[in-house]
Amino acid sequence: MDAKDMGNDLEKILLTEEQLQNKLDEMARDIDEVYGSEDILVIGVLRGAVMVVADLVRKIHAPVTMDWMAVSSYGSGTKSSGVVRILKDLDTDVMERDVLIIEDIIDSGLTLSWLKSNLESRGARSVRIATMLRKPEAAKVEIDVDFLGFDIPNEFVVGYGLDYAEDYRHLPFIGTLAPHVYGG
């Protein structure tokens, strides 16, 4: 699917596929500088981060092991509920591991703040954060992001892993939906 397939559901494209891939190249270089040849346990946050994780880890030169968590503070709507819960836990022990959490977007920061504390309490040697997107205006807690793609306005976005009602994740770009799609 591309922009023309969306008809009048797409309001605008915020970030093109090319912009996303160029930023991932830059993020991978930064990650390689920090980790060198150290083993990294990459934890992808399901489901939104699947695209970012898949593309980013292929660009990293350090040794990478991957695992997945589903941790959510979202309901079925477009706003964070503030309630954090684990939907799928790790299969890998993080004890004495260098962990890199990869997220698609940081909105309120509540989920990621909780997740980072949780992994530190499990004995991770280090916990760093990489995210493709961050909405500074939506932040409810301060999150130190080690590897950042883009700061974006506080708008509801879809594509490149981000969804609305489980649709639009497969778009190769990041855009906003027309208000008629979500009743906005």
N, C-alpha and C. Protein backbone atom coordinates (compact mmCIF):
# COMPACT_ATOMS: atom_id res chain seq x y z
N MET A 1 0.85 -1.18 0.00
CA MET A 1 0.00 0.00 0.00
C MET A 1 0.89 1.24 0.00
N ASP A 2 0.50 2.23 -0.76
CA ASP A 2 1.20 3.51 -0.73
C ASP A 2 0.17 4.63 -0.57
N ALA A 3 0.65 5.85 -0.61
CA ALA A 3 -0.21 7.00 -0.31
C ALA A 3 -1.44 7.06 -1.23
N LYS A 4 -1.25 6.78 -2.51
CA LYS A 4 -2.39 6.89 -3.43
C LYS A 4 -3.45 5.81 -3.16
N ASP A 5 -3.05 4.66 -2.60
CA ASP A 5 -4.00 3.60 -2.26
C ASP A 5 -4.92 4.00 -1.11
N MET A 6 -4.53 5.00 -0.34
CA MET A 6 -5.30 5.40 0.84
C MET A 6 -6.45 6.34 0.50
N GLY A 7 -6.48 6.85 -0.70
CA GLY A 7 -7.56 7.76 -1.09
C GLY A 7 -7.61 8.96 -0.16
N ASN A 8 -8.83 9.30 0.31
CA ASN A 8 -8.98 10.47 1.16
C ASN A 8 -8.79 10.16 2.65
N ASP A 9 -8.33 8.92 2.98
CA ASP A 9 -8.04 8.58 4.38
C ASP A 9 -6.75 9.23 4.87
N LEU A 10 -5.84 9.54 3.97
CA LEU A 10 -4.56 10.15 4.33
C LEU A 10 -4.68 11.66 4.30
N GLU A 11 -4.35 12.28 5.43
CA GLU A 11 -4.34 13.74 5.46
C GLU A 11 -3.02 14.29 4.92
N LYS A 12 -1.89 13.76 5.47
CA LYS A 12 -0.59 14.21 4.98
C LYS A 12 0.48 13.20 5.36
N ILE A 13 1.57 13.22 4.61
CA ILE A 13 2.76 12.42 4.92
C ILE A 13 3.70 13.30 5.73
N LEU A 14 4.05 12.85 6.93
CA LEU A 14 5.01 13.59 7.77
C LEU A 14 6.45 13.21 7.44
N LEU A 15 6.69 11.89 7.28
CA LEU A 15 8.04 11.39 7.01
C LEU A 15 7.97 10.33 5.92
N THR A 16 8.78 10.52 4.90
CA THR A 16 8.79 9.59 3.78
C THR A 16 9.61 8.35 4.13
N GLU A 17 9.45 7.32 3.32
CA GLU A 17 10.25 6.09 3.50
C GLU A 17 11.74 6.41 3.42
N GLU A 18 12.13 7.27 2.50
CA GLU A 18 13.54 7.64 2.36
C GLU A 18 14.05 8.36 3.62
N GLN A 19 13.26 9.28 4.15
CA GLN A 19 13.67 9.98 5.38
C GLN A 19 13.84 8.99 6.54
N LEU A 20 12.93 8.04 6.66
CA LEU A 20 13.01 7.04 7.73
C LEU A 20 14.27 6.18 7.59
N GLN A 21 14.54 5.70 6.39
CA GLN A 21 15.71 4.85 6.18
C GLN A 21 17.02 5.62 6.39
N ASN A 22 17.07 6.86 5.95
CA ASN A 22 18.27 7.67 6.18
C ASN A 22 18.51 7.88 7.67
N LYS A 23 17.43 8.11 8.42
CA LYS A 23 17.57 8.31 9.86
C LYS A 23 18.02 7.02 10.54
N LEU A 24 17.52 5.87 10.08
CA LEU A 24 17.95 4.59 10.65
C LEU A 24 19.44 4.35 10.40
N ASP A 25 19.94 4.75 9.23
CA ASP A 25 21.39 4.64 8.96
C ASP A 25 22.17 5.43 10.01
N GLU A 26 21.72 6.65 10.27
CA GLU A 26 22.37 7.52 11.24
C GLU A 26 22.29 6.93 12.66
N MET A 27 21.12 6.43 13.03
CA MET A 27 20.94 5.83 14.36
C MET A 27 21.84 4.61 14.52
N ALA A 28 21.96 3.78 13.49
CA ALA A 28 22.79 2.57 13.56
C ALA A 28 24.27 2.96 13.75
N ARG A 29 24.71 4.00 13.05
CA ARG A 29 26.09 4.45 13.25
C ARG A 29 26.31 4.90 14.69
N ASP A 30 25.35 5.63 15.25
CA ASP A 30 25.47 6.09 16.64
C ASP A 30 25.47 4.91 17.61
N ILE A 31 24.62 3.93 17.35
CA ILE A 31 24.57 2.73 18.21
C ILE A 31 25.90 1.99 18.15
N ASP A 32 26.46 1.83 16.96
CA ASP A 32 27.75 1.15 16.82
C ASP A 32 28.86 1.91 17.55
N GLU A 33 28.80 3.24 17.54
CA GLU A 33 29.81 4.02 18.27
C GLU A 33 29.72 3.77 19.77
N VAL A 34 28.51 3.67 20.30
CA VAL A 34 28.33 3.48 21.74
C VAL A 34 28.68 2.06 22.17
N TYR A 35 28.22 1.07 21.43
CA TYR A 35 28.40 -0.32 21.84
C TYR A 35 29.68 -0.96 21.32
N GLY A 36 30.27 -0.45 20.25
CA GLY A 36 31.46 -1.07 19.69
C GLY A 36 31.17 -2.50 19.28
N SER A 37 31.94 -3.44 19.83
CA SER A 37 31.72 -4.85 19.50
C SER A 37 31.02 -5.61 20.63
N GLU A 38 30.46 -4.85 21.60
CA GLU A 38 29.73 -5.48 22.71
C GLU A 38 28.43 -6.11 22.22
N ASP A 39 28.05 -7.22 22.85
CA ASP A 39 26.77 -7.85 22.54
C ASP A 39 25.63 -6.96 23.03
N ILE A 40 24.62 -6.80 22.18
CA ILE A 40 23.45 -6.00 22.54
C ILE A 40 22.24 -6.92 22.57
N LEU A 41 21.47 -6.84 23.65
CA LEU A 41 20.17 -7.50 23.69
C LEU A 41 19.15 -6.45 23.29
N VAL A 42 18.64 -6.57 22.08
CA VAL A 42 17.64 -5.65 21.57
C VAL A 42 16.27 -6.16 22.01
N ILE A 43 15.50 -5.28 22.63
CA ILE A 43 14.13 -5.62 23.02
C ILE A 43 13.21 -4.72 22.21
N GLY A 44 12.49 -5.36 21.31
CA GLY A 44 11.50 -4.65 20.52
C GLY A 44 10.18 -4.62 21.28
N VAL A 45 9.52 -3.49 21.22
CA VAL A 45 8.25 -3.34 21.91
C VAL A 45 7.14 -3.55 20.87
N LEU A 46 6.42 -4.66 21.06
CA LEU A 46 5.36 -5.04 20.12
C LEU A 46 4.15 -4.16 20.28
N ARG A 47 3.40 -3.98 19.25
CA ARG A 47 3.61 -4.44 17.90
C ARG A 47 4.23 -3.34 17.07
N GLY A 48 4.10 -2.14 17.51
CA GLY A 48 4.49 -1.00 16.69
C GLY A 48 5.95 -0.96 16.27
N ALA A 49 6.85 -1.48 17.08
CA ALA A 49 8.28 -1.35 16.79
C ALA A 49 8.81 -2.39 15.82
N VAL A 50 7.98 -3.28 15.35
CA VAL A 50 8.45 -4.36 14.47
C VAL A 50 9.21 -3.82 13.26
N MET A 51 8.67 -2.83 12.59
CA MET A 51 9.32 -2.29 11.39
C MET A 51 10.64 -1.62 11.75
N VAL A 52 10.64 -0.83 12.81
CA VAL A 52 11.86 -0.13 13.22
C VAL A 52 12.94 -1.13 13.61
N VAL A 53 12.57 -2.13 14.42
CA VAL A 53 13.54 -3.15 14.85
C VAL A 53 14.12 -3.87 13.64
N ALA A 54 13.25 -4.35 12.76
CA ALA A 54 13.71 -5.13 11.60
C ALA A 54 14.70 -4.34 10.76
N ASP A 55 14.38 -3.09 10.48
CA ASP A 55 15.26 -2.29 9.64
C ASP A 55 16.52 -1.84 10.39
N LEU A 56 16.38 -1.47 11.65
CA LEU A 56 17.51 -0.94 12.40
C LEU A 56 18.55 -2.03 12.71
N VAL A 57 18.14 -3.19 13.16
CA VAL A 57 19.14 -4.21 13.55
C VAL A 57 19.94 -4.69 12.34
N ARG A 58 19.37 -4.62 11.16
CA ARG A 58 20.13 -5.03 9.96
C ARG A 58 21.21 -4.03 9.60
N LYS A 59 21.14 -2.84 10.18
CA LYS A 59 22.13 -1.80 9.91
C LYS A 59 23.21 -1.72 11.00
N ILE A 60 22.98 -2.39 12.13
CA ILE A 60 23.92 -2.37 13.25
C ILE A 60 25.01 -3.42 13.01
N HIS A 61 26.26 -3.05 13.30
CA HIS A 61 27.38 -3.97 13.09
C HIS A 61 27.74 -4.75 14.35
N ALA A 62 27.37 -4.26 15.53
CA ALA A 62 27.63 -4.98 16.78
C ALA A 62 26.79 -6.25 16.81
N PRO A 63 27.23 -7.28 17.57
CA PRO A 63 26.42 -8.49 17.70
C PRO A 63 25.09 -8.20 18.40
N VAL A 64 24.01 -8.71 17.85
CA VAL A 64 22.67 -8.43 18.35
C VAL A 64 21.91 -9.72 18.63
N THR A 65 21.30 -9.79 19.79
CA THR A 65 20.30 -10.80 20.11
C THR A 65 18.99 -10.05 20.26
N MET A 66 17.90 -10.65 19.79
CA MET A 66 16.61 -9.95 19.86
C MET A 66 15.61 -10.72 20.70
N ASP A 67 14.78 -9.95 21.39
CA ASP A 67 13.63 -10.50 22.10
C ASP A 67 12.53 -9.45 22.01
N TRP A 68 11.34 -9.83 22.41
CA TRP A 68 10.17 -8.97 22.24
C TRP A 68 9.35 -8.91 23.52
N MET A 69 8.81 -7.75 23.76
CA MET A 69 7.83 -7.56 24.83
C MET A 69 6.63 -6.83 24.24
N ALA A 70 5.49 -7.14 24.79
CA ALA A 70 4.30 -6.35 24.49
C ALA A 70 3.92 -5.68 25.80
N VAL A 71 4.14 -4.39 25.85
CA VAL A 71 3.84 -3.59 27.03
C VAL A 71 3.00 -2.43 26.55
N SER A 72 1.88 -2.18 27.19
CA SER A 72 0.96 -1.22 26.64
C SER A 72 0.41 -0.27 27.69
N SER A 73 0.22 0.96 27.26
CA SER A 73 -0.57 1.91 28.05
C SER A 73 -1.65 2.50 27.16
N TYR A 74 -2.00 1.78 26.13
CA TYR A 74 -3.00 2.25 25.19
C TYR A 74 -4.25 1.39 25.24
N GLY A 75 -5.37 2.06 25.04
CA GLY A 75 -6.63 1.36 24.84
C GLY A 75 -6.84 1.22 23.35
N SER A 76 -8.07 1.24 22.91
CA SER A 76 -8.34 1.10 21.49
C SER A 76 -8.43 2.45 20.79
N GLY A 77 -8.30 3.53 21.53
CA GLY A 77 -8.43 4.86 20.94
C GLY A 77 -7.11 5.45 20.53
N THR A 78 -7.05 6.78 20.51
CA THR A 78 -5.87 7.49 20.03
C THR A 78 -5.08 8.13 21.17
N LYS A 79 -5.48 7.97 22.40
CA LYS A 79 -4.80 8.58 23.54
C LYS A 79 -4.34 7.51 24.52
N SER A 80 -3.24 7.79 25.21
CA SER A 80 -2.71 6.87 26.21
C SER A 80 -3.66 6.79 27.40
N SER A 81 -3.84 5.57 27.91
CA SER A 81 -4.72 5.39 29.07
C SER A 81 -3.97 5.63 30.37
N GLY A 82 -2.64 5.55 30.33
CA GLY A 82 -1.84 5.74 31.53
C GLY A 82 -1.67 4.48 32.35
N VAL A 83 -2.36 3.41 32.00
CA VAL A 83 -2.26 2.14 32.72
C VAL A 83 -1.28 1.25 31.97
N VAL A 84 -0.18 0.86 32.63
CA VAL A 84 0.85 0.04 31.99
C VAL A 84 0.64 -1.42 32.37
N ARG A 85 0.68 -2.28 31.37
CA ARG A 85 0.57 -3.71 31.65
C ARG A 85 1.41 -4.51 30.66
N ILE A 86 1.93 -5.65 31.11
CA ILE A 86 2.70 -6.55 30.26
C ILE A 86 1.72 -7.50 29.58
N LEU A 87 1.75 -7.51 28.27
CA LEU A 87 0.92 -8.43 27.50
C LEU A 87 1.71 -9.66 27.07
N LYS A 88 3.03 -9.49 26.84
CA LYS A 88 3.94 -10.58 26.52
C LYS A 88 5.29 -10.25 27.13
N ASP A 89 5.79 -11.14 27.96
CA ASP A 89 7.07 -10.90 28.63
C ASP A 89 8.22 -11.48 27.80
N LEU A 90 9.43 -11.17 28.21
CA LEU A 90 10.64 -11.65 27.54
C LEU A 90 10.84 -13.15 27.73
N ASP A 91 11.51 -13.75 26.77
CA ASP A 91 11.96 -15.14 26.90
C ASP A 91 13.42 -15.17 27.36
N THR A 92 14.11 -14.05 27.29
CA THR A 92 15.53 -13.93 27.58
C THR A 92 15.76 -13.28 28.94
N ASP A 93 16.72 -13.80 29.68
CA ASP A 93 17.12 -13.20 30.96
C ASP A 93 17.97 -11.96 30.65
N VAL A 94 17.66 -10.84 31.26
CA VAL A 94 18.41 -9.60 31.01
C VAL A 94 19.55 -9.40 32.01
N MET A 95 19.69 -10.27 32.99
CA MET A 95 20.72 -10.13 34.02
C MET A 95 22.10 -9.93 33.38
N GLU A 96 22.76 -8.83 33.77
CA GLU A 96 24.11 -8.47 33.31
C GLU A 96 24.22 -8.32 31.79
N ARG A 97 23.12 -7.97 31.14
CA ARG A 97 23.13 -7.75 29.69
C ARG A 97 23.02 -6.25 29.41
N ASP A 98 23.59 -5.84 28.27
CA ASP A 98 23.40 -4.48 27.77
C ASP A 98 22.15 -4.50 26.90
N VAL A 99 21.13 -3.82 27.38
CA VAL A 99 19.81 -3.85 26.74
C VAL A 99 19.59 -2.57 25.95
N LEU A 100 19.07 -2.74 24.75
CA LEU A 100 18.64 -1.61 23.93
C LEU A 100 17.17 -1.81 23.62
N ILE A 101 16.33 -0.97 24.23
CA ILE A 101 14.90 -1.00 23.94
C ILE A 101 14.68 -0.22 22.66
N ILE A 102 13.98 -0.83 21.71
CA ILE A 102 13.66 -0.11 20.48
C ILE A 102 12.15 0.08 20.42
N GLU A 103 11.76 1.33 20.30
CA GLU A 103 10.34 1.72 20.25
C GLU A 103 10.03 2.39 18.93
N ASP A 104 8.76 2.39 18.59
CA ASP A 104 8.31 3.12 17.41
C ASP A 104 8.09 4.59 17.76
N ILE A 105 7.45 4.84 18.92
CA ILE A 105 7.09 6.21 19.28
C ILE A 105 7.05 6.36 20.80
N ILE A 106 7.48 7.51 21.26
CA ILE A 106 7.32 7.88 22.67
C ILE A 106 6.30 9.00 22.70
N ASP A 107 5.20 8.72 23.36
CA ASP A 107 4.09 9.66 23.45
C ASP A 107 4.12 10.26 24.86
N SER A 108 3.38 9.70 25.77
CA SER A 108 3.36 10.20 27.14
C SER A 108 4.65 9.86 27.88
N GLY A 109 5.31 8.76 27.47
CA GLY A 109 6.52 8.30 28.15
C GLY A 109 6.24 7.35 29.30
N LEU A 110 4.99 7.19 29.67
CA LEU A 110 4.64 6.35 30.82
C LEU A 110 5.06 4.90 30.63
N THR A 111 4.76 4.34 29.49
CA THR A 111 5.09 2.94 29.23
C THR A 111 6.59 2.72 29.26
N LEU A 112 7.31 3.56 28.56
CA LEU A 112 8.75 3.38 28.45
C LEU A 112 9.46 3.62 29.77
N SER A 113 9.02 4.59 30.54
CA SER A 113 9.58 4.84 31.85
C SER A 113 9.42 3.60 32.74
N TRP A 114 8.24 3.03 32.71
CA TRP A 114 7.97 1.83 33.50
C TRP A 114 8.82 0.67 33.00
N LEU A 115 8.90 0.49 31.69
CA LEU A 115 9.65 -0.62 31.11
C LEU A 115 11.13 -0.52 31.45
N LYS A 116 11.70 0.67 31.33
CA LYS A 116 13.12 0.84 31.65
C LYS A 116 13.38 0.48 33.11
N SER A 117 12.56 0.96 34.02
CA SER A 117 12.72 0.63 35.44
C SER A 117 12.57 -0.86 35.68
N ASN A 118 11.63 -1.47 35.00
CA ASN A 118 11.40 -2.91 35.15
C ASN A 118 12.64 -3.70 34.72
N LEU A 119 13.23 -3.35 33.59
CA LEU A 119 14.41 -4.07 33.10
C LEU A 119 15.63 -3.83 33.99
N GLU A 120 15.77 -2.62 34.50
CA GLU A 120 16.86 -2.34 35.45
C GLU A 120 16.68 -3.17 36.71
N SER A 121 15.44 -3.31 37.17
CA SER A 121 15.20 -4.10 38.38
C SER A 121 15.46 -5.59 38.16
N ARG A 122 15.48 -6.03 36.92
CA ARG A 122 15.79 -7.42 36.59
C ARG A 122 17.29 -7.67 36.47
N GLY A 123 18.09 -6.62 36.66
CA GLY A 123 19.54 -6.78 36.70
C GLY A 123 20.27 -6.49 35.40
N ALA A 124 19.64 -5.80 34.47
CA ALA A 124 20.34 -5.43 33.24
C ALA A 124 21.54 -4.55 33.58
N ARG A 125 22.67 -4.78 32.90
CA ARG A 125 23.87 -3.99 33.13
C ARG A 125 23.64 -2.54 32.69
N SER A 126 22.99 -2.38 31.54
CA SER A 126 22.63 -1.05 31.05
C SER A 126 21.33 -1.17 30.28
N VAL A 127 20.56 -0.10 30.29
CA VAL A 127 19.33 -0.04 29.50
C VAL A 127 19.32 1.30 28.77
N ARG A 128 19.40 1.21 27.45
CA ARG A 128 19.34 2.40 26.61
C ARG A 128 18.07 2.33 25.75
N ILE A 129 17.71 3.48 25.20
CA ILE A 129 16.46 3.57 24.44
C ILE A 129 16.72 4.16 23.06
N ALA A 130 16.16 3.48 22.05
CA ALA A 130 16.14 4.00 20.69
C ALA A 130 14.68 4.10 20.27
N THR A 131 14.32 5.22 19.68
CA THR A 131 12.95 5.37 19.19
C THR A 131 12.96 6.12 17.87
N MET A 132 12.06 5.72 17.00
CA MET A 132 11.96 6.43 15.72
C MET A 132 11.32 7.80 15.91
N LEU A 133 10.28 7.87 16.77
CA LEU A 133 9.54 9.12 16.95
C LEU A 133 9.39 9.47 18.41
N ARG A 134 9.32 10.77 18.67
CA ARG A 134 9.02 11.26 20.02
C ARG A 134 8.14 12.49 19.87
N LYS A 135 7.14 12.56 20.75
CA LYS A 135 6.24 13.73 20.80
C LYS A 135 6.54 14.51 22.08
N PRO A 136 7.46 15.47 22.03
CA PRO A 136 7.82 16.20 23.24
C PRO A 136 6.63 16.88 23.93
N GLU A 137 5.67 17.37 23.15
CA GLU A 137 4.52 18.07 23.73
C GLU A 137 3.59 17.15 24.50
N ALA A 138 3.65 15.85 24.23
CA ALA A 138 2.75 14.89 24.88
C ALA A 138 3.36 14.27 26.13
N ALA A 139 4.63 14.55 26.41
CA ALA A 139 5.34 13.90 27.52
C ALA A 139 4.69 14.19 28.86
N LYS A 140 4.50 13.13 29.62
CA LYS A 140 4.02 13.23 31.00
C LYS A 140 5.13 12.92 31.99
N VAL A 141 6.15 12.21 31.53
CA VAL A 141 7.34 11.92 32.33
C VAL A 141 8.58 12.14 31.46
N GLU A 142 9.68 12.47 32.10
CA GLU A 142 10.95 12.70 31.40
C GLU A 142 11.58 11.35 31.05
N ILE A 143 11.92 11.17 29.78
CA ILE A 143 12.57 9.95 29.31
C ILE A 143 13.86 10.35 28.61
N ASP A 144 14.98 9.76 29.04
CA ASP A 144 16.24 9.97 28.35
C ASP A 144 16.30 9.03 27.16
N VAL A 145 16.32 9.60 25.97
CA VAL A 145 16.39 8.82 24.74
C VAL A 145 17.83 8.87 24.25
N ASP A 146 18.42 7.70 24.06
CA ASP A 146 19.81 7.62 23.64
C ASP A 146 19.97 7.76 22.13
N PHE A 147 19.01 7.23 21.39
CA PHE A 147 19.06 7.24 19.93
C PHE A 147 17.69 7.64 19.41
N LEU A 148 17.59 8.84 18.86
CA LEU A 148 16.31 9.40 18.45
C LEU A 148 16.26 9.60 16.95
N GLY A 149 15.15 9.18 16.38
CA GLY A 149 14.89 9.46 14.98
C GLY A 149 14.43 10.89 14.80
N PHE A 150 13.14 11.14 15.11
CA PHE A 150 12.55 12.46 14.88
C PHE A 150 11.65 12.89 16.03
N ASP A 151 11.70 14.16 16.36
CA ASP A 151 10.66 14.77 17.20
C ASP A 151 9.55 15.20 16.25
N ILE A 152 8.31 14.89 16.64
CA ILE A 152 7.16 15.25 15.79
C ILE A 152 6.13 16.00 16.62
N PRO A 153 5.22 16.69 15.94
CA PRO A 153 4.14 17.39 16.67
C PRO A 153 3.22 16.38 17.36
N ASN A 154 2.45 16.87 18.29
CA ASN A 154 1.53 16.01 19.04
C ASN A 154 0.28 15.73 18.21
N GLU A 155 0.48 14.95 17.16
CA GLU A 155 -0.59 14.52 16.28
C GLU A 155 -0.64 13.01 16.28
N PHE A 156 -1.81 12.45 16.00
CA PHE A 156 -1.94 11.00 15.91
C PHE A 156 -1.41 10.57 14.55
N VAL A 157 -0.41 9.69 14.57
CA VAL A 157 0.25 9.27 13.33
C VAL A 157 0.12 7.77 13.11
N VAL A 158 0.20 7.38 11.85
CA VAL A 158 0.13 5.98 11.46
C VAL A 158 1.23 5.69 10.45
N GLY A 159 1.46 4.39 10.24
CA GLY A 159 2.44 3.95 9.26
C GLY A 159 3.72 3.52 9.92
N TYR A 160 4.51 2.74 9.20
CA TYR A 160 5.80 2.24 9.66
C TYR A 160 5.69 1.63 11.06
N GLY A 161 4.65 0.79 11.25
CA GLY A 161 4.43 0.10 12.51
C GLY A 161 3.33 0.69 13.36
N LEU A 162 3.04 1.94 13.18
CA LEU A 162 2.02 2.62 13.98
C LEU A 162 0.64 2.40 13.36
N ASP A 163 -0.34 2.16 14.22
CA ASP A 163 -1.65 1.80 13.70
C ASP A 163 -2.76 2.69 14.22
N TYR A 164 -3.88 2.57 13.56
CA TYR A 164 -5.16 3.02 14.09
C TYR A 164 -6.10 1.82 13.95
N ALA A 165 -6.58 1.31 15.08
CA ALA A 165 -7.48 0.15 15.11
C ALA A 165 -6.88 -1.01 14.32
N GLU A 166 -5.58 -1.26 14.52
CA GLU A 166 -4.82 -2.35 13.90
C GLU A 166 -4.69 -2.23 12.39
N ASP A 167 -4.92 -1.08 11.83
CA ASP A 167 -4.74 -0.86 10.40
C ASP A 167 -3.63 0.16 10.18
N TYR A 168 -3.09 0.20 9.01
CA TYR A 168 -2.10 1.17 8.55
C TYR A 168 -0.68 0.90 9.00
N ARG A 169 -0.42 -0.15 9.80
CA ARG A 169 0.95 -0.45 10.24
C ARG A 169 1.90 -0.69 9.07
N HIS A 170 1.40 -1.24 8.01
CA HIS A 170 2.22 -1.67 6.88
C HIS A 170 2.65 -0.55 5.94
N LEU A 171 2.20 0.66 6.18
CA LEU A 171 2.60 1.77 5.32
C LEU A 171 4.10 2.01 5.43
N PRO A 172 4.80 2.30 4.34
CA PRO A 172 6.25 2.50 4.40
C PRO A 172 6.64 3.91 4.83
N PHE A 173 5.68 4.75 5.11
CA PHE A 173 5.91 6.13 5.53
C PHE A 173 5.11 6.39 6.80
N ILE A 174 5.29 7.59 7.38
CA ILE A 174 4.51 7.99 8.55
C ILE A 174 3.67 9.19 8.15
N GLY A 175 2.37 9.08 8.44
CA GLY A 175 1.47 10.15 8.06
C GLY A 175 0.35 10.32 9.08
N THR A 176 -0.51 11.27 8.78
CA THR A 176 -1.68 11.50 9.63
C THR A 176 -2.93 11.12 8.84
N LEU A 177 -3.91 10.65 9.56
CA LEU A 177 -5.18 10.26 8.95
C LEU A 177 -6.12 11.46 8.91
N ALA A 178 -6.96 11.45 7.91
CA ALA A 178 -8.01 12.46 7.85
C ALA A 178 -8.97 12.26 9.01
N PRO A 179 -9.48 13.32 9.60
CA PRO A 179 -10.35 13.21 10.78
C PRO A 179 -11.56 12.29 10.59
N HIS A 180 -12.07 12.17 9.37
CA HIS A 180 -13.25 11.31 9.19
C HIS A 180 -12.96 9.83 9.49
N VAL A 181 -11.69 9.44 9.42
CA VAL A 181 -11.32 8.04 9.65
C VAL A 181 -11.53 7.65 11.12
N TYR A 182 -11.16 8.54 12.03
CA TYR A 182 -11.23 8.22 13.45
C TYR A 182 -12.24 9.07 14.21
N GLY A 183 -13.03 9.80 13.49
CA GLY A 183 -14.08 10.59 14.14
C GLY A 183 -13.57 11.84 14.83
N GLY A 184 -12.37 12.30 14.43
CA GLY A 184 -11.75 13.46 15.06
C GLY A 184 -12.25 14.77 14.54
